[in-house]
N, C-alpha and C. Protein backbone atom coordinates (compact mmCIF):
# COMPACT_ATOMS: atom_id res chain seq x y z
N MET A 1 94.97 60.85 -163.53
CA MET A 1 94.81 60.11 -164.90
C MET A 1 95.92 60.38 -165.90
N LYS A 2 96.69 59.26 -166.47
CA LYS A 2 97.55 59.04 -167.02
C LYS A 2 97.10 59.53 -168.82
N LEU A 3 97.96 60.55 -169.45
CA LEU A 3 97.66 61.04 -170.55
C LEU A 3 97.93 59.85 -171.65
N ASN A 4 98.70 58.92 -171.37
CA ASN A 4 99.01 57.89 -172.48
C ASN A 4 98.71 56.54 -171.70
N GLU A 5 97.71 55.92 -172.25
CA GLU A 5 97.23 54.93 -171.55
C GLU A 5 97.88 53.64 -172.03
N ARG A 6 98.70 53.58 -173.27
CA ARG A 6 99.22 52.74 -173.97
C ARG A 6 100.61 52.57 -173.52
N GLY A 7 100.96 51.14 -173.27
CA GLY A 7 102.42 51.16 -172.72
C GLY A 7 103.42 51.43 -173.85
N LEU A 8 104.76 51.24 -173.32
CA LEU A 8 105.87 51.69 -174.38
C LEU A 8 106.78 50.25 -174.61
N LEU A 9 106.99 50.16 -175.74
CA LEU A 9 108.08 48.87 -176.19
C LEU A 9 109.31 49.61 -175.67
N VAL A 10 110.34 49.21 -174.77
CA VAL A 10 111.46 49.75 -174.72
C VAL A 10 112.64 48.63 -174.96
N VAL A 11 113.41 48.81 -175.93
CA VAL A 11 114.60 48.11 -176.23
C VAL A 11 115.76 48.54 -175.64
N ILE A 12 116.44 47.44 -174.98
CA ILE A 12 117.46 47.74 -174.11
C ILE A 12 118.51 46.67 -175.13
N SER A 13 119.61 47.63 -175.49
CA SER A 13 120.54 47.02 -176.56
C SER A 13 121.85 47.44 -176.28
N GLY A 14 123.02 46.72 -176.88
CA GLY A 14 124.40 46.94 -176.60
C GLY A 14 125.25 45.87 -177.10
N PRO A 15 126.64 46.05 -177.06
CA PRO A 15 127.49 45.08 -177.40
C PRO A 15 127.25 43.95 -176.29
N SER A 16 127.83 42.75 -176.45
CA SER A 16 128.01 41.51 -175.77
C SER A 16 128.94 41.78 -174.67
N GLY A 17 128.49 41.63 -173.52
CA GLY A 17 129.32 41.87 -172.21
C GLY A 17 129.16 43.20 -171.44
N VAL A 18 128.33 43.98 -171.86
CA VAL A 18 127.88 45.52 -171.49
C VAL A 18 127.22 45.31 -170.36
N GLY A 19 126.41 43.95 -170.00
CA GLY A 19 125.46 44.31 -169.03
C GLY A 19 124.27 44.56 -168.98
N LYS A 20 123.58 44.14 -170.35
CA LYS A 20 122.14 44.42 -170.52
C LYS A 20 121.25 43.42 -169.46
N GLY A 21 121.62 42.35 -169.28
CA GLY A 21 120.86 41.67 -168.44
C GLY A 21 120.69 41.61 -167.16
N THR A 22 121.81 42.13 -166.62
CA THR A 22 122.06 42.78 -165.35
C THR A 22 121.04 44.04 -165.00
N ILE A 23 121.31 44.99 -166.19
CA ILE A 23 120.72 46.36 -165.93
C ILE A 23 119.17 45.85 -165.88
N ARG A 24 118.64 44.89 -166.91
CA ARG A 24 117.23 44.58 -167.00
C ARG A 24 116.58 44.29 -165.68
N LYS A 25 117.40 43.14 -165.00
CA LYS A 25 116.64 42.41 -163.68
C LYS A 25 116.77 43.58 -162.63
N ALA A 26 117.96 44.74 -162.74
CA ALA A 26 117.61 45.63 -161.85
C ALA A 26 116.53 46.79 -162.08
N LEU A 27 115.96 46.96 -163.19
CA LEU A 27 115.11 47.50 -163.49
C LEU A 27 113.47 46.94 -162.89
N PHE A 28 113.66 45.67 -163.27
CA PHE A 28 112.39 45.01 -162.66
C PHE A 28 112.21 44.75 -161.34
N ALA A 29 113.53 45.15 -160.51
CA ALA A 29 113.51 44.98 -158.94
C ALA A 29 113.09 46.10 -158.46
N MET A 30 112.69 47.27 -159.33
CA MET A 30 112.24 48.56 -158.91
C MET A 30 110.79 48.43 -158.43
N PRO A 31 110.61 49.37 -157.24
CA PRO A 31 109.25 49.18 -156.75
C PRO A 31 108.03 49.70 -157.64
N ASP A 32 107.05 49.30 -157.40
CA ASP A 32 105.75 50.00 -158.22
C ASP A 32 105.78 50.26 -159.95
N ASN A 33 106.60 49.10 -160.66
CA ASN A 33 106.65 49.22 -162.01
C ASN A 33 105.72 48.43 -162.45
N ASN A 34 105.38 48.60 -163.89
CA ASN A 34 104.46 47.70 -164.67
C ASN A 34 105.10 47.26 -165.68
N PHE A 35 106.26 46.61 -165.55
CA PHE A 35 107.49 46.14 -166.44
C PHE A 35 106.88 44.62 -167.06
N CYS A 36 107.07 44.48 -168.34
CA CYS A 36 106.83 42.99 -168.60
C CYS A 36 108.03 42.68 -169.33
N TYR A 37 108.50 41.55 -169.36
CA TYR A 37 109.85 40.96 -170.18
C TYR A 37 109.29 40.13 -171.42
N SER A 38 109.70 40.51 -172.50
CA SER A 38 109.19 40.09 -173.77
C SER A 38 109.61 38.57 -173.80
N VAL A 39 108.65 37.90 -173.60
CA VAL A 39 108.76 36.23 -173.78
C VAL A 39 109.16 35.95 -175.11
N SER A 40 110.15 35.18 -175.47
CA SER A 40 110.35 34.80 -176.90
C SER A 40 109.89 33.26 -177.09
N MET A 41 110.02 33.16 -178.42
CA MET A 41 109.36 31.99 -178.87
C MET A 41 110.62 30.98 -179.33
N THR A 42 110.81 29.58 -179.07
CA THR A 42 111.71 29.03 -179.66
C THR A 42 111.33 27.56 -180.11
N THR A 43 111.78 26.87 -181.01
CA THR A 43 111.58 25.34 -181.42
C THR A 43 112.46 24.69 -180.45
N ARG A 44 113.32 25.12 -179.82
CA ARG A 44 114.23 23.85 -178.95
C ARG A 44 113.31 23.36 -177.86
N LYS A 45 113.67 22.30 -177.43
CA LYS A 45 113.06 21.45 -176.16
C LYS A 45 113.32 22.41 -174.73
N PRO A 46 112.31 22.45 -174.04
CA PRO A 46 112.48 22.92 -172.85
C PRO A 46 113.44 22.49 -171.95
N ARG A 47 114.42 23.21 -171.02
CA ARG A 47 115.18 22.54 -170.30
C ARG A 47 114.66 22.41 -168.71
N PRO A 48 115.27 21.89 -168.10
CA PRO A 48 114.52 21.52 -166.68
C PRO A 48 114.32 22.77 -165.96
N GLY A 49 113.28 23.15 -165.42
CA GLY A 49 112.81 24.07 -164.74
C GLY A 49 112.29 25.31 -165.56
N GLU A 50 112.45 25.28 -166.79
CA GLU A 50 111.65 26.31 -167.72
C GLU A 50 110.30 26.17 -167.72
N ARG A 51 109.34 27.11 -167.90
CA ARG A 51 108.06 27.13 -168.01
C ARG A 51 107.55 27.67 -169.30
N GLU A 52 106.60 27.26 -169.80
CA GLU A 52 105.87 27.74 -171.13
C GLU A 52 105.19 29.16 -170.73
N GLY A 53 105.48 30.13 -171.54
CA GLY A 53 104.83 31.14 -171.61
C GLY A 53 105.49 32.25 -170.24
N VAL A 54 106.56 31.52 -169.84
CA VAL A 54 107.28 32.39 -168.53
C VAL A 54 108.80 32.57 -169.21
N ASP A 55 109.46 31.51 -169.54
CA ASP A 55 110.74 31.55 -170.01
C ASP A 55 110.78 31.54 -171.64
N TYR A 56 109.72 30.85 -172.16
CA TYR A 56 109.74 30.61 -173.62
C TYR A 56 108.51 30.19 -174.12
N PHE A 57 107.82 30.73 -175.31
CA PHE A 57 106.84 29.95 -175.72
C PHE A 57 107.55 28.77 -176.68
N PHE A 58 107.18 27.68 -176.38
CA PHE A 58 107.93 26.26 -177.27
C PHE A 58 107.17 26.02 -178.42
N VAL A 59 107.48 26.04 -179.44
CA VAL A 59 106.51 25.54 -180.80
C VAL A 59 107.48 24.50 -181.42
N THR A 60 106.53 23.80 -182.68
CA THR A 60 107.53 23.19 -183.36
C THR A 60 108.02 23.91 -184.63
N ARG A 61 109.16 23.62 -185.11
CA ARG A 61 109.78 23.88 -186.25
C ARG A 61 108.65 24.64 -187.24
N GLU A 62 107.48 23.60 -187.81
CA GLU A 62 106.72 24.14 -188.73
C GLU A 62 105.87 25.03 -188.19
N GLU A 63 105.62 25.23 -186.74
CA GLU A 63 104.46 26.19 -186.30
C GLU A 63 105.49 27.51 -186.64
N PHE A 64 107.12 27.40 -186.45
CA PHE A 64 107.63 28.56 -186.23
C PHE A 64 107.75 28.98 -187.54
N GLN A 65 108.17 28.28 -188.54
CA GLN A 65 108.18 28.67 -189.88
C GLN A 65 106.93 29.28 -190.60
N LYS A 66 105.91 28.77 -190.21
CA LYS A 66 104.45 29.25 -190.55
C LYS A 66 104.41 30.84 -190.05
N GLY A 67 104.97 30.87 -188.96
CA GLY A 67 104.87 32.61 -188.08
C GLY A 67 105.77 33.46 -189.01
N ILE A 68 106.74 32.83 -189.54
CA ILE A 68 107.73 33.65 -190.18
C ILE A 68 106.99 34.00 -191.52
N ALA A 69 106.43 33.06 -192.26
CA ALA A 69 105.70 33.35 -193.49
C ALA A 69 104.71 34.31 -193.50
N GLU A 70 103.83 34.33 -192.21
CA GLU A 70 102.78 35.19 -191.84
C GLU A 70 103.04 36.37 -191.36
N GLY A 71 104.62 36.72 -191.10
CA GLY A 71 104.93 38.06 -190.46
C GLY A 71 104.58 38.18 -189.09
N ARG A 72 104.52 37.00 -187.93
CA ARG A 72 104.00 37.37 -186.89
C ARG A 72 105.36 37.51 -185.87
N PHE A 73 106.23 37.77 -186.29
CA PHE A 73 107.43 38.05 -185.32
C PHE A 73 108.09 39.37 -185.62
N LEU A 74 108.44 40.03 -184.49
CA LEU A 74 109.16 41.04 -184.50
C LEU A 74 110.36 41.05 -184.91
N GLU A 75 111.13 40.13 -184.68
CA GLU A 75 112.53 39.61 -184.93
C GLU A 75 112.64 38.40 -184.67
N TRP A 76 113.61 37.84 -185.50
CA TRP A 76 113.89 36.24 -185.50
C TRP A 76 115.21 35.98 -186.05
N ALA A 77 115.61 34.84 -185.62
CA ALA A 77 116.90 34.40 -185.91
C ALA A 77 117.08 32.82 -185.42
N GLU A 78 117.99 32.21 -186.51
CA GLU A 78 118.31 30.81 -186.30
C GLU A 78 119.71 30.58 -185.73
N PHE A 79 119.76 29.82 -184.72
CA PHE A 79 121.19 29.53 -183.84
C PHE A 79 121.25 28.24 -183.67
N VAL A 80 122.24 27.63 -183.91
CA VAL A 80 122.48 26.11 -183.87
C VAL A 80 121.46 25.15 -184.10
N GLY A 81 120.70 25.43 -185.45
CA GLY A 81 119.61 24.68 -185.83
C GLY A 81 118.25 25.01 -185.18
N GLU A 82 118.17 26.22 -184.23
CA GLU A 82 117.01 26.27 -183.64
C GLU A 82 116.59 27.63 -183.88
N TYR A 83 115.01 27.70 -183.97
CA TYR A 83 114.70 29.32 -184.25
C TYR A 83 114.27 29.88 -182.90
N TYR A 84 114.82 31.21 -183.01
CA TYR A 84 114.45 32.05 -181.84
C TYR A 84 113.86 33.40 -182.23
N GLY A 85 112.72 33.96 -181.91
CA GLY A 85 111.89 35.14 -182.18
C GLY A 85 111.08 35.68 -180.93
N THR A 86 110.61 36.92 -181.48
CA THR A 86 109.84 37.96 -180.69
C THR A 86 108.42 37.84 -181.46
N PRO A 87 107.49 37.45 -180.74
CA PRO A 87 106.04 37.40 -181.40
C PRO A 87 105.29 38.52 -180.93
N LEU A 88 105.11 39.05 -182.20
CA LEU A 88 104.48 40.32 -182.05
C LEU A 88 103.04 40.48 -181.49
N GLU A 89 102.11 39.47 -181.44
CA GLU A 89 100.98 39.41 -180.78
C GLU A 89 101.02 39.53 -179.17
N TYR A 90 101.99 38.81 -178.46
CA TYR A 90 102.18 38.88 -177.36
C TYR A 90 102.64 40.43 -176.94
N ILE A 91 103.45 41.21 -177.65
CA ILE A 91 103.97 42.23 -177.42
C ILE A 91 102.61 43.14 -177.33
N GLU A 92 101.86 43.12 -178.59
CA GLU A 92 100.49 44.09 -178.60
C GLU A 92 99.66 43.96 -177.66
N LYS A 93 99.58 42.85 -177.01
CA LYS A 93 98.82 42.47 -175.94
C LYS A 93 99.13 43.17 -174.72
N GLN A 94 100.21 43.01 -174.44
CA GLN A 94 101.03 43.78 -173.20
C GLN A 94 100.92 45.49 -173.39
N LEU A 95 101.01 45.70 -174.46
CA LEU A 95 101.27 47.39 -174.69
C LEU A 95 99.59 47.88 -174.47
N ALA A 96 99.00 47.16 -175.04
CA ALA A 96 97.28 47.44 -175.10
C ALA A 96 96.96 47.64 -173.55
N THR A 97 97.45 46.73 -172.77
CA THR A 97 97.14 46.85 -171.41
C THR A 97 97.72 47.66 -170.77
N GLY A 98 98.61 48.51 -171.27
CA GLY A 98 99.36 49.72 -170.43
C GLY A 98 100.63 49.17 -169.87
N ASN A 99 101.11 48.11 -170.11
CA ASN A 99 102.59 47.61 -169.55
C ASN A 99 103.51 48.12 -170.37
N GLU A 100 104.66 48.54 -169.86
CA GLU A 100 105.90 48.61 -170.51
C GLU A 100 106.50 47.57 -170.89
N VAL A 101 106.83 46.92 -171.88
CA VAL A 101 107.33 45.73 -172.61
C VAL A 101 108.73 45.97 -172.73
N ILE A 102 109.64 45.35 -171.92
CA ILE A 102 111.04 45.40 -172.38
C ILE A 102 111.72 44.31 -172.89
N ILE A 103 112.51 44.71 -173.88
CA ILE A 103 113.47 43.63 -174.68
C ILE A 103 114.86 43.69 -174.41
N GLU A 104 115.23 42.87 -174.29
CA GLU A 104 116.67 42.79 -174.13
C GLU A 104 117.56 42.13 -175.23
N ILE A 105 118.32 42.71 -176.26
CA ILE A 105 118.57 42.29 -177.43
C ILE A 105 119.75 42.77 -177.99
N GLU A 106 120.48 41.81 -178.58
CA GLU A 106 121.81 42.42 -179.31
C GLU A 106 121.35 43.39 -180.45
N VAL A 107 122.57 43.74 -180.96
CA VAL A 107 122.48 45.12 -181.67
C VAL A 107 121.52 44.88 -182.99
N GLN A 108 121.87 43.86 -183.75
CA GLN A 108 121.51 43.63 -184.96
C GLN A 108 120.12 43.35 -185.02
N GLY A 109 119.61 42.49 -183.84
CA GLY A 109 118.12 42.32 -183.58
C GLY A 109 117.20 43.60 -183.39
N ALA A 110 118.14 44.56 -182.60
CA ALA A 110 117.22 45.84 -182.30
C ALA A 110 117.08 46.79 -183.56
N LEU A 111 117.85 46.60 -184.72
CA LEU A 111 117.84 47.24 -185.71
C LEU A 111 116.59 46.64 -186.67
N GLN A 112 116.34 45.30 -186.46
CA GLN A 112 115.02 44.60 -187.24
C GLN A 112 113.85 45.25 -186.59
N VAL A 113 114.02 45.36 -185.03
CA VAL A 113 112.58 46.18 -184.40
C VAL A 113 112.32 47.49 -184.97
N ARG A 114 113.66 47.84 -184.91
CA ARG A 114 113.58 49.44 -185.48
C ARG A 114 112.78 49.77 -186.53
N GLU A 115 112.76 48.62 -187.64
CA GLU A 115 112.57 48.94 -188.80
C GLU A 115 110.73 48.53 -188.65
N LYS A 116 110.47 47.52 -188.02
CA LYS A 116 108.90 47.39 -187.80
C LYS A 116 108.32 48.36 -186.70
N MET A 117 109.05 48.66 -185.34
CA MET A 117 108.04 49.48 -184.64
C MET A 117 108.92 50.58 -184.24
N PRO A 118 109.09 51.63 -185.07
CA PRO A 118 110.02 52.69 -185.14
C PRO A 118 109.57 53.52 -183.95
N ASP A 119 108.38 53.43 -183.43
CA ASP A 119 107.90 54.28 -182.44
C ASP A 119 108.18 53.72 -180.87
N ALA A 120 108.85 52.77 -180.88
CA ALA A 120 109.68 51.99 -179.83
C ALA A 120 110.73 52.78 -179.06
N VAL A 121 111.08 52.60 -177.98
CA VAL A 121 112.13 53.36 -177.39
C VAL A 121 113.22 52.68 -177.31
N PHE A 122 114.66 53.09 -178.16
CA PHE A 122 115.48 52.26 -178.11
C PHE A 122 116.74 52.85 -177.34
N VAL A 123 117.30 52.04 -176.18
CA VAL A 123 118.27 52.47 -175.33
C VAL A 123 119.59 51.74 -175.64
N PHE A 124 120.87 52.29 -175.96
CA PHE A 124 121.87 51.71 -176.12
C PHE A 124 122.81 52.02 -174.85
N ILE A 125 123.29 50.49 -174.50
CA ILE A 125 123.99 50.36 -173.23
C ILE A 125 125.50 50.64 -173.85
N VAL A 126 126.29 51.38 -173.08
CA VAL A 126 127.65 51.33 -173.28
C VAL A 126 128.75 51.21 -172.00
N PRO A 127 129.61 50.78 -172.09
CA PRO A 127 130.60 50.48 -170.69
C PRO A 127 131.21 52.09 -170.54
N PRO A 128 131.52 52.14 -169.26
CA PRO A 128 132.47 53.21 -168.93
C PRO A 128 133.57 53.67 -169.80
N SER A 129 133.98 52.30 -170.45
CA SER A 129 135.40 52.46 -171.17
C SER A 129 135.56 51.38 -171.99
N ARG A 130 136.42 51.39 -172.87
CA ARG A 130 136.71 50.28 -173.59
C ARG A 130 137.53 48.93 -172.77
N LYS A 131 138.28 49.49 -171.94
CA LYS A 131 138.84 48.72 -170.71
C LYS A 131 137.98 48.25 -169.94
N ALA A 132 136.77 48.52 -169.54
CA ALA A 132 136.04 48.09 -168.59
C ALA A 132 135.27 46.99 -169.44
N LEU A 133 134.83 47.03 -170.71
CA LEU A 133 134.16 46.08 -171.47
C LEU A 133 135.19 44.94 -171.37
N GLU A 134 136.35 45.02 -171.49
CA GLU A 134 137.56 43.89 -171.83
C GLU A 134 137.51 43.08 -170.60
N ASP A 135 137.50 43.90 -169.46
CA ASP A 135 137.69 43.43 -168.24
C ASP A 135 136.41 42.38 -167.91
N ARG A 136 135.28 42.93 -168.31
CA ARG A 136 133.89 42.21 -167.93
C ARG A 136 134.06 41.04 -168.62
N LEU A 137 134.33 40.90 -169.87
CA LEU A 137 134.54 39.81 -170.86
C LEU A 137 135.35 38.74 -170.13
N GLN A 138 136.33 39.29 -169.83
CA GLN A 138 137.36 38.36 -169.29
C GLN A 138 137.03 37.70 -167.77
N SER A 139 136.31 38.59 -167.14
CA SER A 139 136.09 38.21 -165.71
C SER A 139 135.16 36.99 -165.63
N ARG A 140 134.33 36.77 -166.87
CA ARG A 140 133.21 35.57 -167.14
C ARG A 140 133.98 34.41 -167.06
N GLY A 141 135.27 34.44 -167.65
CA GLY A 141 136.13 33.13 -167.51
C GLY A 141 135.48 31.73 -168.57
N THR A 142 134.66 32.34 -169.51
CA THR A 142 133.98 31.21 -170.50
C THR A 142 134.65 31.28 -171.37
N GLU A 143 135.29 32.00 -172.12
CA GLU A 143 136.00 32.19 -173.46
C GLU A 143 137.52 32.21 -173.30
N ASP A 144 138.01 31.81 -174.55
CA ASP A 144 139.70 32.27 -174.46
C ASP A 144 139.85 33.47 -175.10
N HIS A 145 141.13 34.03 -175.24
CA HIS A 145 141.50 35.11 -175.91
C HIS A 145 141.15 35.62 -177.17
N GLY A 146 141.10 34.60 -177.92
CA GLY A 146 140.83 34.82 -179.13
C GLY A 146 139.28 35.10 -179.41
N LYS A 147 138.48 34.37 -178.53
CA LYS A 147 137.15 34.71 -178.69
C LYS A 147 136.68 36.14 -178.21
N ILE A 148 137.42 36.40 -176.95
CA ILE A 148 137.12 37.81 -176.26
C ILE A 148 137.45 38.98 -177.35
N ARG A 149 138.71 38.67 -178.14
CA ARG A 149 138.96 39.98 -179.11
C ARG A 149 138.02 39.86 -180.05
N GLU A 150 137.48 38.96 -180.52
CA GLU A 150 136.38 38.85 -181.65
C GLU A 150 135.22 39.61 -181.01
N ARG A 151 134.67 39.53 -179.74
CA ARG A 151 133.56 40.21 -179.41
C ARG A 151 134.24 41.70 -179.15
N LEU A 152 135.10 41.98 -178.95
CA LEU A 152 135.57 43.34 -178.43
C LEU A 152 135.67 43.88 -179.89
N GLU A 153 136.14 43.41 -181.14
CA GLU A 153 136.06 43.88 -182.29
C GLU A 153 134.75 44.12 -183.05
N LYS A 154 133.74 42.99 -182.63
CA LYS A 154 132.24 43.29 -183.09
C LYS A 154 131.86 44.33 -182.32
N ALA A 155 132.42 44.67 -181.02
CA ALA A 155 131.66 45.94 -180.05
C ALA A 155 132.22 46.90 -180.64
N ASN A 156 133.44 47.07 -181.18
CA ASN A 156 133.98 48.51 -181.98
C ASN A 156 132.83 48.68 -183.05
N ARG A 157 132.53 47.67 -183.77
CA ARG A 157 131.94 47.85 -185.01
C ARG A 157 130.18 48.39 -184.68
N GLU A 158 129.81 47.74 -183.37
CA GLU A 158 128.50 48.19 -182.99
C GLU A 158 128.33 49.67 -182.34
N TYR A 159 129.42 49.98 -181.57
CA TYR A 159 129.56 51.65 -181.38
C TYR A 159 129.15 52.64 -182.34
N ASN A 160 129.57 52.34 -183.53
CA ASN A 160 129.30 52.93 -184.67
C ASN A 160 127.90 53.19 -185.04
N LEU A 161 126.98 52.19 -184.62
CA LEU A 161 125.42 52.28 -184.93
C LEU A 161 124.71 52.88 -183.80
N ALA A 162 125.26 53.47 -182.52
CA ALA A 162 124.76 53.99 -181.74
C ALA A 162 123.74 55.14 -181.89
N TYR A 163 124.11 55.85 -183.04
CA TYR A 163 123.32 56.95 -183.61
C TYR A 163 121.90 56.77 -183.98
N LYS A 164 121.61 55.31 -184.11
CA LYS A 164 120.51 54.69 -184.42
C LYS A 164 119.36 54.73 -183.26
N TYR A 165 120.01 54.79 -182.11
CA TYR A 165 119.06 54.83 -180.97
C TYR A 165 118.54 55.99 -180.43
N ASP A 166 117.83 55.93 -179.53
CA ASP A 166 117.11 57.36 -178.93
C ASP A 166 117.88 57.99 -177.96
N TYR A 167 118.66 56.82 -176.72
CA TYR A 167 119.12 57.31 -176.07
C TYR A 167 120.27 56.55 -176.01
N ILE A 168 121.59 57.08 -175.12
CA ILE A 168 122.64 56.05 -174.70
C ILE A 168 122.89 56.51 -173.21
N VAL A 169 123.08 55.28 -172.66
CA VAL A 169 123.35 55.14 -171.26
C VAL A 169 124.60 54.36 -170.64
N VAL A 170 125.24 54.92 -169.93
CA VAL A 170 126.57 54.27 -169.50
C VAL A 170 126.33 53.42 -168.67
N ASN A 171 126.93 52.34 -168.33
CA ASN A 171 126.69 51.33 -167.63
C ASN A 171 127.84 51.36 -166.39
N ASP A 172 127.84 52.66 -165.65
CA ASP A 172 129.07 52.86 -164.74
C ASP A 172 128.61 52.23 -163.64
N GLU A 173 127.13 51.95 -162.98
CA GLU A 173 127.05 51.18 -162.12
C GLU A 173 125.78 50.74 -162.42
N VAL A 174 125.24 49.66 -162.37
CA VAL A 174 124.08 48.81 -162.58
C VAL A 174 122.81 49.64 -162.10
N TYR A 175 122.64 49.95 -160.70
CA TYR A 175 121.53 50.43 -160.34
C TYR A 175 121.43 52.04 -160.97
N ASN A 176 122.38 52.72 -161.08
CA ASN A 176 122.47 53.81 -161.72
C ASN A 176 121.91 54.07 -163.22
N ALA A 177 122.45 53.02 -164.01
CA ALA A 177 121.97 52.61 -165.07
C ALA A 177 120.31 52.45 -165.43
N ALA A 178 119.97 51.63 -164.53
CA ALA A 178 118.59 51.04 -164.48
C ALA A 178 117.65 52.41 -164.11
N ASP A 179 117.90 53.20 -163.15
CA ASP A 179 117.53 54.46 -162.71
C ASP A 179 117.36 55.49 -163.87
N ARG A 180 118.46 55.49 -164.67
CA ARG A 180 118.45 56.37 -165.97
C ARG A 180 117.33 55.71 -166.99
N ILE A 181 117.37 54.56 -167.24
CA ILE A 181 116.25 54.00 -168.05
C ILE A 181 114.83 54.35 -167.63
N TYR A 182 114.75 54.24 -166.13
CA TYR A 182 113.48 54.42 -165.42
C TYR A 182 113.04 55.86 -165.98
N ALA A 183 113.85 57.02 -165.76
CA ALA A 183 113.29 58.22 -165.82
C ALA A 183 113.42 58.48 -167.64
N ILE A 184 113.90 57.73 -168.32
CA ILE A 184 113.63 57.80 -169.86
C ILE A 184 112.44 57.16 -170.15
N ILE A 185 111.79 56.17 -169.62
CA ILE A 185 110.34 55.89 -169.69
C ILE A 185 109.65 56.92 -169.22
N ARG A 186 109.58 57.50 -168.17
CA ARG A 186 108.57 58.15 -167.54
C ARG A 186 108.73 59.62 -168.55
N ALA A 187 109.61 59.94 -168.99
CA ALA A 187 109.84 61.18 -170.07
C ALA A 187 109.25 60.71 -171.22
N GLU A 188 109.47 59.53 -171.68
CA GLU A 188 108.64 59.07 -172.98
C GLU A 188 107.24 59.37 -172.91
N HIS A 189 106.73 58.74 -171.80
CA HIS A 189 105.27 58.78 -171.70
C HIS A 189 104.63 60.41 -171.67
N ALA A 190 105.34 61.52 -171.41
CA ALA A 190 105.08 62.97 -171.14
C ALA A 190 105.24 63.41 -172.48
N LYS A 191 105.72 62.73 -173.51
CA LYS A 191 106.10 63.44 -174.82
C LYS A 191 104.48 63.77 -175.52
N THR A 192 104.73 65.00 -176.10
CA THR A 192 103.53 65.67 -176.61
C THR A 192 102.82 64.55 -177.64
N GLU A 193 103.76 63.99 -178.45
CA GLU A 193 103.26 63.29 -179.86
C GLU A 193 102.61 61.76 -179.01
N ARG A 194 102.78 61.56 -177.97
CA ARG A 194 102.28 60.28 -177.37
C ARG A 194 100.99 60.82 -176.44
N SER A 195 100.85 61.97 -176.10
CA SER A 195 99.61 62.22 -174.99
C SER A 195 98.83 63.20 -175.62
N ILE A 196 99.10 64.00 -176.69
CA ILE A 196 98.06 65.12 -177.07
C ILE A 196 96.62 64.58 -177.82
N THR A 197 96.57 63.38 -177.95
CA THR A 197 95.32 62.93 -178.15
C THR A 197 94.42 62.90 -177.33
N LYS A 198 95.03 62.35 -176.26
CA LYS A 198 94.18 62.20 -174.89
C LYS A 198 94.08 63.52 -173.89
N TYR A 199 95.17 64.36 -174.27
CA TYR A 199 94.92 65.65 -173.59
C TYR A 199 93.67 66.55 -173.96
N ASN A 200 93.69 66.42 -175.54
CA ASN A 200 92.66 67.23 -176.24
C ASN A 200 91.17 66.63 -175.82
N LYS A 201 91.16 65.25 -175.81
CA LYS A 201 89.66 64.58 -175.17
C LYS A 201 89.65 65.30 -173.83
N LEU A 202 90.41 65.29 -173.16
CA LEU A 202 90.27 65.78 -171.31
C LEU A 202 89.95 67.11 -171.50
N MET A 203 90.44 68.02 -172.16
CA MET A 203 90.10 69.24 -172.20
C MET A 203 88.83 69.44 -172.92
N GLU A 204 88.40 68.77 -173.86
CA GLU A 204 87.00 69.10 -174.43
C GLU A 204 86.08 68.56 -173.40
N GLY A 205 86.31 67.82 -172.60
CA GLY A 205 85.49 67.28 -171.62
C GLY A 205 85.05 68.27 -170.39
N ASN A 206 85.95 69.05 -170.28
CA ASN A 206 86.16 70.22 -169.15
C ASN A 206 85.42 71.29 -169.56
N GLU A 207 85.14 71.45 -170.85
CA GLU A 207 84.44 72.59 -171.42
C GLU A 207 82.87 72.73 -171.03
């Protein structure tokens, strides 16, 4: 019997280009996991192949703004005239069923989540070196030198916010990094503060 029946909210964050998405995919590929990816809500139209409730929850601008006013988002932002956000209700339902909810998010969004759900587990992903991050950004082949330099400068500022996270994981090799996060999740469930109530009830039942 598990001492902690409630799932964990795990926030995977870090500078752009550090490999957050790749690590998340490797984590979900691990056997016997109960991970659930946090599905975002957006006001933009579905792209070909995207499915409601799988890729995004698609809503109107009015519905999204109402959600903002009612405080129904864990975090939200507006990009290129469209809203994107993480619905609180969806996350709470998944956590209540015992699923581990994984959020892959940029640093500023993670800090918003920290304010609303301080009991979540925050993992900061870093490259093995600054040069490795630069190489990764250049290998994408999607941005010019100036844009890459902007991202590297932003990454340098974000490194200074690592102290706000619970763990730092080096992405030296994708599956190693995913394995470390899996170990963190298992260890977090064993923390006394998460399991003491269930443990005390279990001991009372054995008396």
